[in-house]
Amino acid sequence: MTDTLALEPRTLWDHFAALSAIPRPSKREQRAAEWVASLGPRIGAQVRRDAAGNVVLAVPAAGTTRVAPGKAG
C-alpha cells in the first residue's frame, strides 16, 4: 500500500486516511456516512442524503466565471 504521508494534496489524503480507518462492513456503513456528513460543513460543502441513504457533498465551483469551450456565453 502507498504511504499517504508522501501524497499531495495533503488535506485530501488526511481525509482519505481518516475515512479508511472507520470499519464499514457491507450494509453497515452508517458510521462512515456520519463521518462524511460531519465533514461537509467543515469544508464548506452542502450536505444531503439521497433516497438510498448515500451522503452527497456539493461544493460550488470557484475561481472562474468563464464559459466552458463550446458553450454559449
N, C-alpha and C. Protein backbone atom coordinates (compact mmCIF):
# COMPACT_ATOMS: atom_id res chain seq x y z
N MET A 1 0.84 -1.18 0.00
CA MET A 1 0.00 0.00 0.00
C MET A 1 0.88 1.25 0.00
N THR A 2 0.43 2.28 -0.68
CA THR A 2 1.18 3.53 -0.76
C THR A 2 1.08 4.28 0.57
N ASP A 3 2.18 4.86 0.99
CA ASP A 3 2.20 5.68 2.19
C ASP A 3 1.56 7.02 1.85
N THR A 4 0.39 7.31 2.42
CA THR A 4 -0.32 8.55 2.10
C THR A 4 0.38 9.79 2.62
N LEU A 5 1.33 9.64 3.54
CA LEU A 5 2.03 10.81 4.08
C LEU A 5 2.84 11.55 3.01
N ALA A 6 3.20 10.87 1.93
CA ALA A 6 4.01 11.48 0.89
C ALA A 6 3.16 12.03 -0.26
N LEU A 7 1.84 11.87 -0.20
CA LEU A 7 0.98 12.27 -1.31
C LEU A 7 0.44 13.68 -1.13
N GLU A 8 0.13 14.31 -2.24
CA GLU A 8 -0.44 15.66 -2.25
C GLU A 8 -1.74 15.63 -3.05
N PRO A 9 -2.70 16.46 -2.75
CA PRO A 9 -2.71 17.46 -1.68
C PRO A 9 -2.90 16.80 -0.31
N ARG A 10 -2.14 17.26 0.64
CA ARG A 10 -2.08 16.68 1.98
C ARG A 10 -3.46 16.53 2.63
N THR A 11 -4.27 17.58 2.57
CA THR A 11 -5.58 17.55 3.23
C THR A 11 -6.45 16.43 2.69
N LEU A 12 -6.45 16.26 1.37
CA LEU A 12 -7.25 15.20 0.75
C LEU A 12 -6.86 13.84 1.32
N TRP A 13 -5.56 13.58 1.39
CA TRP A 13 -5.10 12.28 1.85
C TRP A 13 -5.29 12.10 3.35
N ASP A 14 -5.29 13.17 4.12
CA ASP A 14 -5.63 13.07 5.54
C ASP A 14 -7.08 12.63 5.70
N HIS A 15 -7.98 13.22 4.91
CA HIS A 15 -9.40 12.81 4.95
C HIS A 15 -9.56 11.36 4.51
N PHE A 16 -8.85 10.97 3.46
CA PHE A 16 -8.92 9.60 2.97
C PHE A 16 -8.47 8.61 4.04
N ALA A 17 -7.37 8.92 4.72
CA ALA A 17 -6.86 8.04 5.77
C ALA A 17 -7.85 7.93 6.93
N ALA A 18 -8.46 9.05 7.31
CA ALA A 18 -9.44 9.04 8.40
C ALA A 18 -10.66 8.19 8.04
N LEU A 19 -11.16 8.36 6.82
CA LEU A 19 -12.31 7.56 6.39
C LEU A 19 -11.95 6.08 6.29
N SER A 20 -10.77 5.80 5.79
CA SER A 20 -10.33 4.40 5.64
C SER A 20 -10.19 3.69 6.98
N ALA A 21 -9.96 4.45 8.04
CA ALA A 21 -9.78 3.86 9.37
C ALA A 21 -11.11 3.47 10.03
N ILE A 22 -12.23 3.89 9.46
CA ILE A 22 -13.54 3.59 10.04
C ILE A 22 -14.02 2.23 9.52
N PRO A 23 -14.27 1.27 10.41
CA PRO A 23 -14.81 -0.02 9.97
C PRO A 23 -16.18 0.20 9.32
N ARG A 24 -16.39 -0.41 8.15
CA ARG A 24 -17.65 -0.22 7.44
C ARG A 24 -18.00 -1.45 6.61
N PRO A 25 -18.35 -2.53 7.29
CA PRO A 25 -18.74 -3.72 6.53
C PRO A 25 -20.01 -3.45 5.72
N SER A 26 -20.21 -4.26 4.70
CA SER A 26 -21.37 -4.11 3.83
C SER A 26 -22.67 -4.02 4.62
N LYS A 27 -23.50 -3.08 4.25
CA LYS A 27 -24.81 -2.81 4.87
C LYS A 27 -24.69 -2.20 6.26
N ARG A 28 -23.48 -1.87 6.68
CA ARG A 28 -23.28 -1.25 8.00
C ARG A 28 -22.31 -0.07 7.87
N GLU A 29 -22.63 0.81 6.93
CA GLU A 29 -21.76 1.94 6.63
C GLU A 29 -22.15 3.21 7.36
N GLN A 30 -23.08 3.13 8.30
CA GLN A 30 -23.63 4.32 8.96
C GLN A 30 -22.55 5.19 9.61
N ARG A 31 -21.62 4.57 10.30
CA ARG A 31 -20.59 5.36 10.98
C ARG A 31 -19.73 6.14 9.98
N ALA A 32 -19.37 5.50 8.87
CA ALA A 32 -18.60 6.19 7.83
C ALA A 32 -19.44 7.29 7.19
N ALA A 33 -20.71 7.03 6.96
CA ALA A 33 -21.60 8.03 6.35
C ALA A 33 -21.73 9.25 7.27
N GLU A 34 -21.84 9.02 8.56
CA GLU A 34 -21.94 10.14 9.51
C GLU A 34 -20.65 10.96 9.52
N TRP A 35 -19.50 10.28 9.40
CA TRP A 35 -18.24 11.00 9.36
C TRP A 35 -18.18 11.90 8.12
N VAL A 36 -18.57 11.36 6.98
CA VAL A 36 -18.57 12.16 5.75
C VAL A 36 -19.53 13.34 5.89
N ALA A 37 -20.73 13.09 6.42
CA ALA A 37 -21.71 14.16 6.61
C ALA A 37 -21.18 15.24 7.55
N SER A 38 -20.44 14.86 8.57
CA SER A 38 -19.90 15.85 9.51
C SER A 38 -18.76 16.65 8.88
N LEU A 39 -18.09 16.08 7.91
CA LEU A 39 -17.00 16.76 7.22
C LEU A 39 -17.52 17.91 6.35
N GLY A 40 -18.69 17.73 5.74
CA GLY A 40 -19.24 18.71 4.81
C GLY A 40 -19.19 20.16 5.29
N PRO A 41 -19.80 20.47 6.41
CA PRO A 41 -19.78 21.86 6.88
C PRO A 41 -18.37 22.40 7.16
N ARG A 42 -17.48 21.52 7.58
CA ARG A 42 -16.10 21.96 7.89
C ARG A 42 -15.33 22.35 6.64
N ILE A 43 -15.72 21.81 5.49
CA ILE A 43 -15.02 22.13 4.24
C ILE A 43 -15.86 23.03 3.34
N GLY A 44 -16.99 23.53 3.87
CA GLY A 44 -17.82 24.44 3.09
C GLY A 44 -18.71 23.77 2.06
N ALA A 45 -19.02 22.52 2.28
CA ALA A 45 -19.86 21.78 1.33
C ALA A 45 -21.30 21.70 1.83
N GLN A 46 -22.22 21.66 0.89
CA GLN A 46 -23.61 21.39 1.23
C GLN A 46 -23.75 19.88 1.37
N VAL A 47 -24.51 19.44 2.36
CA VAL A 47 -24.66 18.02 2.63
C VAL A 47 -26.10 17.62 2.41
N ARG A 48 -26.30 16.51 1.70
CA ARG A 48 -27.64 15.94 1.57
C ARG A 48 -27.51 14.42 1.49
N ARG A 49 -28.61 13.77 1.72
CA ARG A 49 -28.66 12.31 1.56
C ARG A 49 -29.65 11.99 0.46
N ASP A 50 -29.30 11.05 -0.37
CA ASP A 50 -30.22 10.66 -1.44
C ASP A 50 -31.20 9.60 -0.91
N ALA A 51 -32.07 9.15 -1.78
CA ALA A 51 -33.12 8.20 -1.38
C ALA A 51 -32.56 6.89 -0.84
N ALA A 52 -31.37 6.52 -1.26
CA ALA A 52 -30.75 5.28 -0.80
C ALA A 52 -29.97 5.46 0.49
N GLY A 53 -29.87 6.71 0.97
CA GLY A 53 -29.14 6.98 2.20
C GLY A 53 -27.68 7.36 1.98
N ASN A 54 -27.26 7.47 0.73
CA ASN A 54 -25.90 7.90 0.43
C ASN A 54 -25.71 9.36 0.82
N VAL A 55 -24.54 9.69 1.32
CA VAL A 55 -24.21 11.08 1.66
C VAL A 55 -23.63 11.73 0.41
N VAL A 56 -24.17 12.90 0.07
CA VAL A 56 -23.70 13.63 -1.10
C VAL A 56 -23.21 15.00 -0.63
N LEU A 57 -21.95 15.32 -0.92
CA LEU A 57 -21.40 16.63 -0.61
C LEU A 57 -21.30 17.42 -1.91
N ALA A 58 -21.76 18.66 -1.88
CA ALA A 58 -21.70 19.52 -3.06
C ALA A 58 -20.89 20.76 -2.72
N VAL A 59 -19.89 21.02 -3.55
CA VAL A 59 -19.04 22.19 -3.37
C VAL A 59 -19.17 23.04 -4.63
N PRO A 60 -19.59 24.29 -4.49
CA PRO A 60 -19.71 25.14 -5.68
C PRO A 60 -18.36 25.36 -6.35
N ALA A 61 -18.39 25.50 -7.65
CA ALA A 61 -17.18 25.81 -8.40
C ALA A 61 -16.68 27.19 -7.99
N ALA A 62 -15.39 27.38 -8.07
CA ALA A 62 -14.81 28.67 -7.70
C ALA A 62 -13.64 28.99 -8.61
N GLY A 63 -13.31 30.27 -8.69
CA GLY A 63 -12.10 30.66 -9.39
C GLY A 63 -12.26 31.13 -10.80
N THR A 64 -13.43 30.97 -11.38
CA THR A 64 -13.60 31.43 -12.75
C THR A 64 -15.07 31.68 -13.05
N THR A 65 -15.30 32.57 -13.96
CA THR A 65 -16.66 32.80 -14.45
C THR A 65 -16.69 32.59 -15.96
N ARG A 66 -15.63 32.02 -16.48
CA ARG A 66 -15.55 31.78 -17.92
C ARG A 66 -16.55 30.71 -18.32
N VAL A 67 -16.99 30.82 -19.55
CA VAL A 67 -17.88 29.81 -20.13
C VAL A 67 -17.01 28.70 -20.70
N ALA A 68 -17.43 27.48 -20.49
CA ALA A 68 -16.68 26.34 -20.99
C ALA A 68 -16.58 26.40 -22.52
N PRO A 69 -15.48 25.90 -23.09
CA PRO A 69 -15.35 25.90 -24.54
C PRO A 69 -16.53 25.18 -25.20
N GLY A 70 -17.04 25.76 -26.25
CA GLY A 70 -18.15 25.16 -26.98
C GLY A 70 -19.52 25.50 -26.42
N LYS A 71 -19.59 26.25 -25.32
CA LYS A 71 -20.86 26.63 -24.70
C LYS A 71 -21.16 28.09 -25.01
N ALA A 72 -22.42 28.39 -25.20
CA ALA A 72 -22.83 29.77 -25.46
C ALA A 72 -22.62 30.61 -24.20
N GLY A 73 -22.22 31.85 -24.38
CA GLY A 73 -21.97 32.71 -23.23
C GLY A 73 -22.99 33.69 -23.05
